[in-house]
Amino acid sequence: MPMKRHAIRQPGWFRTGASFLLAPLLFGLTAATAVAAQFSNCEVSGTRGSVKLETVVPGALSVRPVLPAPGWWNGDSPETINGGFEYCMAANMAYRAGLDRVIVVSRSFAQILTGQAKGFDIALSEITITDERKKAVNFTDPYFDSDMGVLVRAGDKITAENIKTKRLGVKQGTTTHQFLEDHVKPTQPLKVYPEVAAMYAALAAGQVDAVVYDTPNVLARAKQSEGRFEVVGRYDTGERWGGLVNKDSPNMAVFNKLIQEMKDDGTFDRLAAQYLAPSLGMDPNKVPIFKP
């Protein structure tokens, strides 16, 4: 089951709640939790205790990420997370709800999408809002817009015209798979990977010619690669990312209020400038658009 993310366009490359970029996800992590020390490196703002959340752990906000996700969750494991856009978004939510800390919860993402996973309050994992997913879980209002970027080995000549003849790698359970099948119509079967790390390793090893995944994430991977990878294009899908909560969550209205506050008071712009701009290495809007 694939996945991915509109609101009023804001100045600059980062936009909240409007059509911008896309994001596929799925990660099979084993159950584990780690308590972050207070809010780690996050700068929190707003009025402490201005809203109330009913949380699974008293005094803490339990949040599910998909790791690794540099720029969004800085750290390779729940124990090492110390910053990032979504982590600090969670920290600001917790602070404004009068909570003392954020607990990073590791769960199977596939299970979370079915609404069966327990023990967390909200998943912030660059998750695309889709009607199909809404059958099993609820989504907050969107907080980020994403599209799909095309990551290749540096120097490989992959274009909007020839990409359909290439070997393409996608992340299992993302909306990318269906988008490529429906619109790009590749002539070779898509190679599907259960984990992001395996997908990028396959690209490095020459097992696929390109990886198609959320533009912010492939830009971050290209920047980390020290010139081995580059992003050559993106498909403008207008998808939106939202927080995921179970159907029985009592917190939907409060989460939406907090997201709107952070849009209005500039928190999201600040987090984007602090964590995403350095991690991505370039303005995603400067990546050429591929027409399917």
C-alpha atoms as a PDB file:
ATOM      1  CA  MET A   1       0.000   0.000   0.000  1.00  0.00           C
ATOM      2  CA  PRO A   2       1.772   3.206  -1.141  1.00  0.00           C
ATOM      3  CA  MET A   3       1.890   6.542   0.553  1.00  0.00           C
ATOM      4  CA  LYS A   4       2.583  10.360   0.560  1.00  0.00           C
ATOM      5  CA  ARG A   5       1.053  14.613   0.866  1.00  0.00           C
ATOM      6  CA  HIS A   6      -1.314  21.261   0.203  1.00  0.00           C
ATOM      7  CA  ALA A   7      -1.852  24.519   2.039  1.00  0.00           C
ATOM      8  CA  ILE A   8      -1.109  28.177   1.441  1.00  0.00           C
ATOM      9  CA  ARG A   9       2.203  28.661  -0.315  1.00  0.00           C
ATOM     10  CA  GLN A  10       4.711  30.583   1.727  1.00  0.00           C
ATOM     11  CA  PRO A  11       7.760  32.504   0.558  1.00  0.00           C
ATOM     12  CA  GLY A  12      11.024  30.648   0.089  1.00  0.00           C
ATOM     13  CA  TRP A  13      11.664  27.017  -0.618  1.00  0.00           C
ATOM     14  CA  PHE A  14       9.867  25.674   2.455  1.00  0.00           C
ATOM     15  CA  ARG A  15       6.101  25.630   2.456  1.00  0.00           C
ATOM     16  CA  THR A  16       3.690  24.369   5.075  1.00  0.00           C
ATOM     17  CA  GLY A  17       0.364  22.830   4.132  1.00  0.00           C
ATOM     18  CA  ALA A  18       0.547  23.601   0.353  1.00  0.00           C
ATOM     19  CA  SER A  19       1.551  21.407  -2.544  1.00  0.00           C
ATOM     20  CA  PHE A  20       5.301  21.014  -2.525  1.00  0.00           C
ATOM     21  CA  LEU A  21       7.121  17.724  -2.173  1.00  0.00           C
ATOM     22  CA  LEU A  22       6.298  14.081  -1.737  1.00  0.00           C
ATOM     23  CA  ALA A  23       7.280  11.393   0.570  1.00  0.00           C
ATOM     24  CA  PRO A  24       7.056   7.631   0.563  1.00  0.00           C
ATOM     25  CA  LEU A  25       7.748   5.604   3.716  1.00  0.00           C
ATOM     26  CA  LEU A  26       7.832   2.270   5.423  1.00  0.00           C
ATOM     27  CA  PHE A  27      10.375   0.844   7.810  1.00  0.00           C
ATOM     28  CA  GLY A  28      10.319  -2.441   9.703  1.00  0.00           C
ATOM     29  CA  LEU A  29      11.901  -1.641  13.024  1.00  0.00           C
ATOM     30  CA  THR A  30      11.627  -3.881  16.039  1.00  0.00           C
ATOM     31  CA  ALA A  31       9.746  -2.634  19.083  1.00  0.00           C
ATOM     32  CA  ALA A  32      11.989  -0.421  21.198  1.00  0.00           C
ATOM     33  CA  THR A  33      11.785   2.898  22.938  1.00  0.00           C
ATOM     34  CA  ALA A  34      14.254   5.485  24.074  1.00  0.00           C
ATOM     35  CA  VAL A  35      13.712   8.491  26.236  1.00  0.00           C
ATOM     36  CA  ALA A  36      15.234  11.671  24.900  1.00  0.00           C
ATOM     37  CA  ALA A  37      16.775  13.908  27.547  1.00  0.00           C
ATOM     38  CA  GLN A  38      14.156  16.612  27.882  1.00  0.00           C
ATOM     39  CA  PHE A  39      14.047  18.277  24.447  1.00  0.00           C
ATOM     40  CA  SER A  40      17.708  17.709  23.608  1.00  0.00           C
ATOM     41  CA  ASN A  41      18.996  20.396  21.204  1.00  0.00           C
ATOM     42  CA  CYS A  42      15.545  21.695  20.265  1.00  0.00           C
ATOM     43  CA  GLU A  43      14.618  25.311  20.862  1.00  0.00           C
ATOM     44  CA  VAL A  44      11.028  25.361  22.107  1.00  0.00           C
ATOM     45  CA  SER A  45       8.673  28.330  21.950  1.00  0.00           C
ATOM     46  CA  GLY A  46       5.077  29.304  22.561  1.00  0.00           C
ATOM     47  CA  THR A  47       3.263  29.095  25.888  1.00  0.00           C
ATOM     48  CA  ARG A  48       4.012  26.048  28.002  1.00  0.00           C
ATOM     49  CA  GLY A  49       0.841  24.237  29.013  1.00  0.00           C
ATOM     50  CA  SER A  50      -1.417  26.220  26.684  1.00  0.00           C
ATOM     51  CA  VAL A  51      -3.074  23.003  25.430  1.00  0.00           C
ATOM     52  CA  LYS A  52      -3.737  19.566  26.888  1.00  0.00           C
ATOM     53  CA  LEU A  53      -2.861  16.221  25.331  1.00  0.00           C
ATOM     54  CA  GLU A  54      -3.863  12.801  26.638  1.00  0.00           C
ATOM     55  CA  THR A  55      -0.663  10.815  26.234  1.00  0.00           C
ATOM     56  CA  VAL A  56       0.146   7.111  26.600  1.00  0.00           C
ATOM     57  CA  VAL A  57       3.001   7.960  28.982  1.00  0.00           C
ATOM     58  CA  PRO A  58       2.155  10.641  31.562  1.00  0.00           C
ATOM     59  CA  GLY A  59       4.308  13.737  31.160  1.00  0.00           C
ATOM     60  CA  ALA A  60       5.707  12.721  27.773  1.00  0.00           C
ATOM     61  CA  LEU A  61       4.810  12.760  24.080  1.00  0.00           C
ATOM     62  CA  SER A  62       5.544   9.385  22.470  1.00  0.00           C
ATOM     63  CA  VAL A  63       6.390   9.813  18.795  1.00  0.00           C
ATOM     64  CA  ARG A  64       7.071   7.305  16.022  1.00  0.00           C
ATOM     65  CA  PRO A  65       9.670   8.210  13.378  1.00  0.00           C
ATOM     66  CA  VAL A  66      11.139   6.246  10.487  1.00  0.00           C
ATOM     67  CA  LEU A  67      14.907   6.108  10.825  1.00  0.00           C
ATOM     68  CA  PRO A  68      17.276   7.072   9.385  1.00  0.00           C
ATOM     69  CA  ALA A  69      15.844  10.429   8.329  1.00  0.00           C
ATOM     70  CA  PRO A  70      18.594  13.076   8.437  1.00  0.00           C
ATOM     71  CA  GLY A  71      17.281  16.594   8.724  1.00  0.00           C
ATOM     72  CA  TRP A  72      13.991  15.255  10.085  1.00  0.00           C
ATOM     73  CA  TRP A  73      15.369  13.085  12.897  1.00  0.00           C
ATOM     74  CA  ASN A  74      19.078  13.643  13.522  1.00  0.00           C
ATOM     75  CA  GLY A  75      20.519  10.432  14.869  1.00  0.00           C
ATOM     76  CA  ASP A  76      20.625   6.836  13.688  1.00  0.00           C
ATOM     77  CA  SER A  77      18.637   5.217  16.512  1.00  0.00           C
ATOM     78  CA  PRO A  78      15.983   6.225  19.041  1.00  0.00           C
ATOM     79  CA  GLU A  79      18.739   6.538  21.644  1.00  0.00           C
ATOM     80  CA  THR A  80      20.785   9.026  19.618  1.00  0.00           C
ATOM     81  CA  ILE A  81      18.127  11.444  18.314  1.00  0.00           C
ATOM     82  CA  ASN A  82      19.117  14.977  19.290  1.00  0.00           C
ATOM     83  CA  GLY A  83      17.436  17.275  16.751  1.00  0.00           C
ATOM     84  CA  GLY A  84      15.788  17.538  13.358  1.00  0.00           C
ATOM     85  CA  PHE A  85      12.661  19.145  11.915  1.00  0.00           C
ATOM     86  CA  GLU A  86      10.135  16.522  13.019  1.00  0.00           C
ATOM     87  CA  TYR A  87      11.816  15.771  16.335  1.00  0.00           C
ATOM     88  CA  CYS A  88      11.821  19.459  17.261  1.00  0.00           C
ATOM     89  CA  MET A  89       8.275  19.798  15.932  1.00  0.00           C
ATOM     90  CA  ALA A  90       7.359  17.103  18.462  1.00  0.00           C
ATOM     91  CA  ALA A  91       9.355  18.884  21.166  1.00  0.00           C
ATOM     92  CA  ASN A  92       7.397  22.091  20.547  1.00  0.00           C
ATOM     93  CA  MET A  93       4.132  20.146  20.696  1.00  0.00           C
ATOM     94  CA  ALA A  94       5.170  18.578  23.987  1.00  0.00           C
ATOM     95  CA  TYR A  95       6.297  21.882  25.484  1.00  0.00           C
ATOM     96  CA  ARG A  96       3.083  23.681  24.537  1.00  0.00           C
ATOM     97  CA  ALA A  97       1.129  20.784  26.043  1.00  0.00           C
ATOM     98  CA  GLY A  98       3.033  21.133  29.327  1.00  0.00           C
ATOM     99  CA  LEU A  99       4.859  17.823  28.896  1.00  0.00           C
ATOM    100  CA  ASP A 100       8.413  17.243  30.064  1.00  0.00           C
ATOM    101  CA  ARG A 101       9.960  15.227  27.275  1.00  0.00           C
ATOM    102  CA  VAL A 102       9.618  13.410  23.944  1.00  0.00           C
ATOM    103  CA  ILE A 103       9.887   9.627  23.852  1.00  0.00           C
ATOM    104  CA  VAL A 104      11.089   8.260  20.513  1.00  0.00           C
ATOM    105  CA  VAL A 105       9.198   5.017  19.855  1.00  0.00           C
ATOM    106  CA  SER A 106      10.388   2.397  17.386  1.00  0.00           C
ATOM    107  CA  ARG A 107       7.581   0.333  15.848  1.00  0.00           C
ATOM    108  CA  SER A 108       6.828  -1.436  12.568  1.00  0.00           C
ATOM    109  CA  PHE A 109       5.633   1.208  10.142  1.00  0.00           C
ATOM    110  CA  ALA A 110       3.558  -1.331   8.254  1.00  0.00           C
ATOM    111  CA  GLN A 111       1.679  -2.110  11.446  1.00  0.00           C
ATOM    112  CA  ILE A 112       1.158   1.566  12.201  1.00  0.00           C
ATOM    113  CA  LEU A 113      -0.473   2.074   8.804  1.00  0.00           C
ATOM    114  CA  THR A 114      -3.050  -0.581   9.666  1.00  0.00           C
ATOM    115  CA  GLY A 115      -3.946   1.152  12.931  1.00  0.00           C
ATOM    116  CA  GLN A 116      -2.824  -1.866  14.954  1.00  0.00           C
ATOM    117  CA  ALA A 117       0.270  -0.429  16.618  1.00  0.00           C
ATOM    118  CA  LYS A 118      -0.114   0.923  20.145  1.00  0.00           C
ATOM    119  CA  GLY A 119       2.133   2.730  22.577  1.00  0.00           C
ATOM    120  CA  PHE A 120       2.620   5.986  20.694  1.00  0.00           C
ATOM    121  CA  ASP A 121       0.699   9.272  20.474  1.00  0.00           C
ATOM    122  CA  ILE A 122       1.592  10.392  16.959  1.00  0.00           C
ATOM    123  CA  ALA A 123       3.781   9.237  14.080  1.00  0.00           C
ATOM    124  CA  LEU A 124       5.807  12.003  12.424  1.00  0.00           C
ATOM    125  CA  SER A 125       7.598  10.173   9.656  1.00  0.00           C
ATOM    126  CA  GLU A 126       7.185  12.170   6.437  1.00  0.00           C
ATOM    127  CA  ILE A 127       3.947  10.253   5.871  1.00  0.00           C
ATOM    128  CA  THR A 128       1.848  11.075   2.841  1.00  0.00           C
ATOM    129  CA  ILE A 129      -1.845  11.578   3.491  1.00  0.00           C
ATOM    130  CA  THR A 130      -3.934   9.262   1.312  1.00  0.00           C
ATOM    131  CA  ASP A 131      -7.610   8.323   1.237  1.00  0.00           C
ATOM    132  CA  GLU A 132      -6.681   4.653   1.396  1.00  0.00           C
ATOM    133  CA  ARG A 133      -4.732   5.128   4.608  1.00  0.00           C
ATOM    134  CA  LYS A 134      -7.526   7.145   6.142  1.00  0.00           C
ATOM    135  CA  LYS A 135      -9.587   3.962   6.216  1.00  0.00           C
ATOM    136  CA  ALA A 136      -7.366   2.593   8.974  1.00  0.00           C
ATOM    137  CA  VAL A 137      -5.856   5.658  10.666  1.00  0.00           C
ATOM    138  CA  ASN A 138      -6.416   9.399  11.013  1.00  0.00           C
ATOM    139  CA  PHE A 139      -4.157  12.184   9.789  1.00  0.00           C
ATOM    140  CA  THR A 140      -3.591  15.638  11.190  1.00  0.00           C
ATOM    141  CA  ASP A 141      -3.725  18.682   8.983  1.00  0.00           C
ATOM    142  CA  PRO A 142      -0.683  18.695   6.669  1.00  0.00           C
ATOM    143  CA  TYR A 143       2.516  20.270   7.933  1.00  0.00           C
ATOM    144  CA  PHE A 144       4.724  19.744   4.856  1.00  0.00           C
ATOM    145  CA  ASP A 145       4.299  19.232   1.103  1.00  0.00           C
ATOM    146  CA  SER A 146       6.551  16.951  -0.878  1.00  0.00           C
ATOM    147  CA  ASP A 147       7.138  15.482  -4.312  1.00  0.00           C
ATOM    148  CA  MET A 148       9.305  12.662  -5.670  1.00  0.00           C
ATOM    149  CA  GLY A 149      12.964  13.145  -6.461  1.00  0.00           C
ATOM    150  CA  VAL A 150      15.116  11.059  -8.809  1.00  0.00           C
ATOM    151  CA  LEU A 151      18.464  10.070  -7.302  1.00  0.00           C
ATOM    152  CA  VAL A 152      21.189   8.673  -9.588  1.00  0.00           C
ATOM    153  CA  ARG A 153      24.895   7.964  -9.508  1.00  0.00           C
ATOM    154  CA  ALA A 154      26.786  11.140 -10.327  1.00  0.00           C
ATOM    155  CA  GLY A 155      27.297  11.567 -14.037  1.00  0.00           C
ATOM    156  CA  ASP A 156      24.628   9.119 -15.155  1.00  0.00           C
ATOM    157  CA  LYS A 157      22.539  10.682 -17.918  1.00  0.00           C
ATOM    158  CA  ILE A 158      18.995   9.997 -16.798  1.00  0.00           C
ATOM    159  CA  THR A 159      16.337  12.334 -18.132  1.00  0.00           C
ATOM    160  CA  ALA A 160      12.575  12.686 -18.121  1.00  0.00           C
ATOM    161  CA  GLU A 161      12.609  11.106 -21.583  1.00  0.00           C
ATOM    162  CA  ASN A 162      14.745   8.013 -20.949  1.00  0.00           C
ATOM    163  CA  ILE A 163      13.891   7.240 -17.311  1.00  0.00           C
ATOM    164  CA  LYS A 164      11.081   4.867 -18.232  1.00  0.00           C
ATOM    165  CA  THR A 165      13.631   2.479 -19.796  1.00  0.00           C
ATOM    166  CA  LYS A 166      15.826   2.418 -16.673  1.00  0.00           C
ATOM    167  CA  ARG A 167      15.902   0.088 -13.690  1.00  0.00           C
ATOM    168  CA  LEU A 168      14.126   2.012 -10.936  1.00  0.00           C
ATOM    169  CA  GLY A 169      14.263   1.360  -7.209  1.00  0.00           C
ATOM    170  CA  VAL A 170      11.437   2.310  -4.846  1.00  0.00           C
ATOM    171  CA  LYS A 171      10.717   1.965  -1.132  1.00  0.00           C
ATOM    172  CA  GLN A 172       8.162  -0.646  -0.193  1.00  0.00           C
ATOM    173  CA  GLY A 173       4.797   0.724   0.892  1.00  0.00           C
ATOM    174  CA  THR A 174       5.207   4.196  -0.563  1.00  0.00           C
ATOM    175  CA  THR A 175       3.036   6.114  -2.992  1.00  0.00           C
ATOM    176  CA  THR A 176       6.007   6.255  -5.358  1.00  0.00           C
ATOM    177  CA  HIS A 177       5.390   2.720  -6.581  1.00  0.00           C
ATOM    178  CA  GLN A 178       1.836   3.409  -7.780  1.00  0.00           C
ATOM    179  CA  PHE A 179       2.768   6.805  -9.210  1.00  0.00           C
ATOM    180  CA  LEU A 180       5.495   5.342 -11.381  1.00  0.00           C
ATOM    181  CA  GLU A 181       3.311   2.468 -12.541  1.00  0.00           C
ATOM    182  CA  ASP A 182       0.380   4.759 -13.392  1.00  0.00           C
ATOM    183  CA  HIS A 183       2.192   7.766 -14.871  1.00  0.00           C
ATOM    184  CA  VAL A 184       5.782   6.994 -15.840  1.00  0.00           C
ATOM    185  CA  LYS A 185       4.997   3.422 -16.986  1.00  0.00           C
ATOM    186  CA  PRO A 186       8.536   1.950 -16.755  1.00  0.00           C
ATOM    187  CA  THR A 187       9.389  -0.791 -19.246  1.00  0.00           C
ATOM    188  CA  GLN A 188      11.234  -2.829 -16.601  1.00  0.00           C
ATOM    189  CA  PRO A 189       9.698  -4.125 -13.361  1.00  0.00           C
ATOM    190  CA  LEU A 190      10.255  -1.821 -10.402  1.00  0.00           C
ATOM    191  CA  LYS A 191      12.706  -3.098  -7.814  1.00  0.00           C
ATOM    192  CA  VAL A 192      11.101  -2.770  -4.385  1.00  0.00           C
ATOM    193  CA  TYR A 193      13.168  -2.501  -1.186  1.00  0.00           C
ATOM    194  CA  PRO A 194      11.873  -2.945   2.361  1.00  0.00           C
ATOM    195  CA  GLU A 195      14.315  -0.429   3.798  1.00  0.00           C
ATOM    196  CA  VAL A 196      15.706   2.905   2.646  1.00  0.00           C
ATOM    197  CA  ALA A 197      19.291   1.851   3.368  1.00  0.00           C
ATOM    198  CA  ALA A 198      18.950  -1.204   1.122  1.00  0.00           C
ATOM    199  CA  MET A 199      17.513   0.927  -1.674  1.00  0.00           C
ATOM    200  CA  TYR A 200      20.429   3.358  -1.565  1.00  0.00           C
ATOM    201  CA  ALA A 201      22.926   0.492  -1.347  1.00  0.00           C
ATOM    202  CA  ALA A 202      21.418  -1.026  -4.489  1.00  0.00           C
ATOM    203  CA  LEU A 203      21.929   2.263  -6.322  1.00  0.00           C
ATOM    204  CA  ALA A 204      25.541   2.477  -5.178  1.00  0.00           C
ATOM    205  CA  ALA A 205      26.146  -1.110  -6.314  1.00  0.00           C
ATOM    206  CA  GLY A 206      24.667  -0.505  -9.765  1.00  0.00           C
ATOM    207  CA  GLN A 207      21.744  -2.851  -9.196  1.00  0.00           C
ATOM    208  CA  VAL A 208      19.345  -0.042 -10.146  1.00  0.00           C
ATOM    209  CA  ASP A 209      19.900   3.032 -12.318  1.00  0.00           C
ATOM    210  CA  ALA A 210      17.854   5.440 -10.215  1.00  0.00           C
ATOM    211  CA  VAL A 211      15.952   5.644  -6.945  1.00  0.00           C
ATOM    212  CA  VAL A 212      12.679   7.565  -6.811  1.00  0.00           C
ATOM    213  CA  TYR A 213      11.768   8.771  -3.320  1.00  0.00           C
ATOM    214  CA  ASP A 214      10.741  11.940  -1.442  1.00  0.00           C
ATOM    215  CA  THR A 215      12.709  14.886  -2.784  1.00  0.00           C
ATOM    216  CA  PRO A 216      13.911  16.149   0.630  1.00  0.00           C
ATOM    217  CA  ASN A 217      15.208  12.703   1.496  1.00  0.00           C
ATOM    218  CA  VAL A 218      17.074  12.059  -1.747  1.00  0.00           C
ATOM    219  CA  LEU A 219      18.602  15.549  -1.582  1.00  0.00           C
ATOM    220  CA  ALA A 220      19.847  14.751   1.916  1.00  0.00           C
ATOM    221  CA  ARG A 221      21.279  11.451   0.688  1.00  0.00           C
ATOM    222  CA  ALA A 222      23.014  13.158  -2.234  1.00  0.00           C
ATOM    223  CA  LYS A 223      24.582  15.701   0.109  1.00  0.00           C
ATOM    224  CA  GLN A 224      25.859  12.960   2.413  1.00  0.00           C
ATOM    225  CA  SER A 225      27.324  10.983  -0.488  1.00  0.00           C
ATOM    226  CA  GLU A 226      30.264  13.355  -1.056  1.00  0.00           C
ATOM    227  CA  GLY A 227      29.575  13.604  -4.766  1.00  0.00           C
ATOM    228  CA  ARG A 228      28.708   9.972  -5.490  1.00  0.00           C
ATOM    229  CA  PHE A 229      24.984  10.657  -5.953  1.00  0.00           C
ATOM    230  CA  GLU A 230      23.003  13.530  -7.434  1.00  0.00           C
ATOM    231  CA  VAL A 231      19.334  14.448  -7.805  1.00  0.00           C
ATOM    232  CA  VAL A 232      18.563  15.040 -11.476  1.00  0.00           C
ATOM    233  CA  GLY A 233      14.836  15.729 -11.384  1.00  0.00           C
ATOM    234  CA  ARG A 234      11.573  15.545  -9.467  1.00  0.00           C
ATOM    235  CA  TYR A 235       7.951  14.724 -10.168  1.00  0.00           C
ATOM    236  CA  ASP A 236       5.602  17.444  -8.893  1.00  0.00           C
ATOM    237  CA  THR A 237       2.886  15.320  -7.292  1.00  0.00           C
ATOM    238  CA  GLY A 238       1.398  17.822  -4.838  1.00  0.00           C
ATOM    239  CA  GLU A 239       1.392  15.323  -2.007  1.00  0.00           C
ATOM    240  CA  ARG A 240       1.091  16.346   1.646  1.00  0.00           C
ATOM    241  CA  TRP A 241       2.590  14.981   4.831  1.00  0.00           C
ATOM    242  CA  GLY A 242       0.602  14.769   8.037  1.00  0.00           C
ATOM    243  CA  GLY A 243       0.924  13.320  11.499  1.00  0.00           C
ATOM    244  CA  LEU A 244      -0.619   9.850  11.845  1.00  0.00           C
ATOM    245  CA  VAL A 245      -2.745   8.889  14.850  1.00  0.00           C
ATOM    246  CA  ASN A 246      -4.905   5.882  15.572  1.00  0.00           C
ATOM    247  CA  LYS A 247      -8.648   6.148  15.073  1.00  0.00           C
ATOM    248  CA  ASP A 248      -9.263   6.168  18.830  1.00  0.00           C
ATOM    249  CA  SER A 249      -6.865   9.036  19.534  1.00  0.00           C
ATOM    250  CA  PRO A 250      -8.461  11.820  21.624  1.00  0.00           C
ATOM    251  CA  ASN A 251      -5.827  14.327  20.493  1.00  0.00           C
ATOM    252  CA  MET A 252      -6.652  15.117  16.852  1.00  0.00           C
ATOM    253  CA  ALA A 253      -8.112  18.612  17.452  1.00  0.00           C
ATOM    254  CA  VAL A 254      -5.191  19.581  19.703  1.00  0.00           C
ATOM    255  CA  PHE A 255      -2.571  18.346  17.233  1.00  0.00           C
ATOM    256  CA  ASN A 256      -4.257  20.355  14.470  1.00  0.00           C
ATOM    257  CA  LYS A 257      -4.289  23.449  16.694  1.00  0.00           C
ATOM    258  CA  LEU A 258      -0.583  23.041  17.421  1.00  0.00           C
ATOM    259  CA  ILE A 259       0.270  22.577  13.741  1.00  0.00           C
ATOM    260  CA  GLN A 260      -1.641  25.720  12.805  1.00  0.00           C
ATOM    261  CA  GLU A 261       0.108  27.671  15.576  1.00  0.00           C
ATOM    262  CA  MET A 262       3.513  26.581  14.328  1.00  0.00           C
ATOM    263  CA  LYS A 263       2.633  27.601  10.792  1.00  0.00           C
ATOM    264  CA  ASP A 264       1.411  30.998  11.975  1.00  0.00           C
ATOM    265  CA  ASP A 265       4.202  31.837  14.431  1.00  0.00           C
ATOM    266  CA  GLY A 266       7.078  30.871  12.121  1.00  0.00           C
ATOM    267  CA  THR A 267       8.180  27.749  13.997  1.00  0.00           C
ATOM    268  CA  PHE A 268       8.132  25.593  10.869  1.00  0.00           C
ATOM    269  CA  ASP A 269      10.093  28.180   8.884  1.00  0.00           C
ATOM    270  CA  ARG A 270      12.686  28.324  11.668  1.00  0.00           C
ATOM    271  CA  LEU A 271      12.998  24.543  11.832  1.00  0.00           C
ATOM    272  CA  ALA A 272      13.320  24.323   8.058  1.00  0.00           C
ATOM    273  CA  ALA A 273      16.112  26.884   8.019  1.00  0.00           C
ATOM    274  CA  GLN A 274      17.893  25.211  10.929  1.00  0.00           C
ATOM    275  CA  TYR A 275      17.613  21.561   9.954  1.00  0.00           C
ATOM    276  CA  LEU A 276      16.467  21.085   6.368  1.00  0.00           C
ATOM    277  CA  ALA A 277      18.478  23.692   4.461  1.00  0.00           C
ATOM    278  CA  PRO A 278      21.849  22.370   5.761  1.00  0.00           C
ATOM    279  CA  SER A 279      20.820  18.740   5.279  1.00  0.00           C
ATOM    280  CA  LEU A 280      19.431  19.133   1.760  1.00  0.00           C
ATOM    281  CA  GLY A 281      22.247  21.215   0.343  1.00  0.00           C
ATOM    282  CA  MET A 282      20.026  23.061  -2.120  1.00  0.00           C
ATOM    283  CA  ASP A 283      16.592  24.540  -2.631  1.00  0.00           C
ATOM    284  CA  PRO A 284      14.279  21.689  -3.691  1.00  0.00           C
ATOM    285  CA  ASN A 285      12.475  24.138  -5.989  1.00  0.00           C
ATOM    286  CA  LYS A 286      15.664  24.377  -8.079  1.00  0.00           C
ATOM    287  CA  VAL A 287      15.529  20.672  -8.961  1.00  0.00           C
ATOM    288  CA  PRO A 288      14.207  20.338 -12.545  1.00  0.00           C
ATOM    289  CA  ILE A 289      10.663  19.029 -12.854  1.00  0.00           C
ATOM    290  CA  PHE A 290      10.226  15.812 -14.820  1.00  0.00           C
ATOM    291  CA  LYS A 291       6.971  15.534 -16.727  1.00  0.00           C
ATOM    292  CA  PRO A 292       5.701  11.929 -16.743  1.00  0.00           C
END
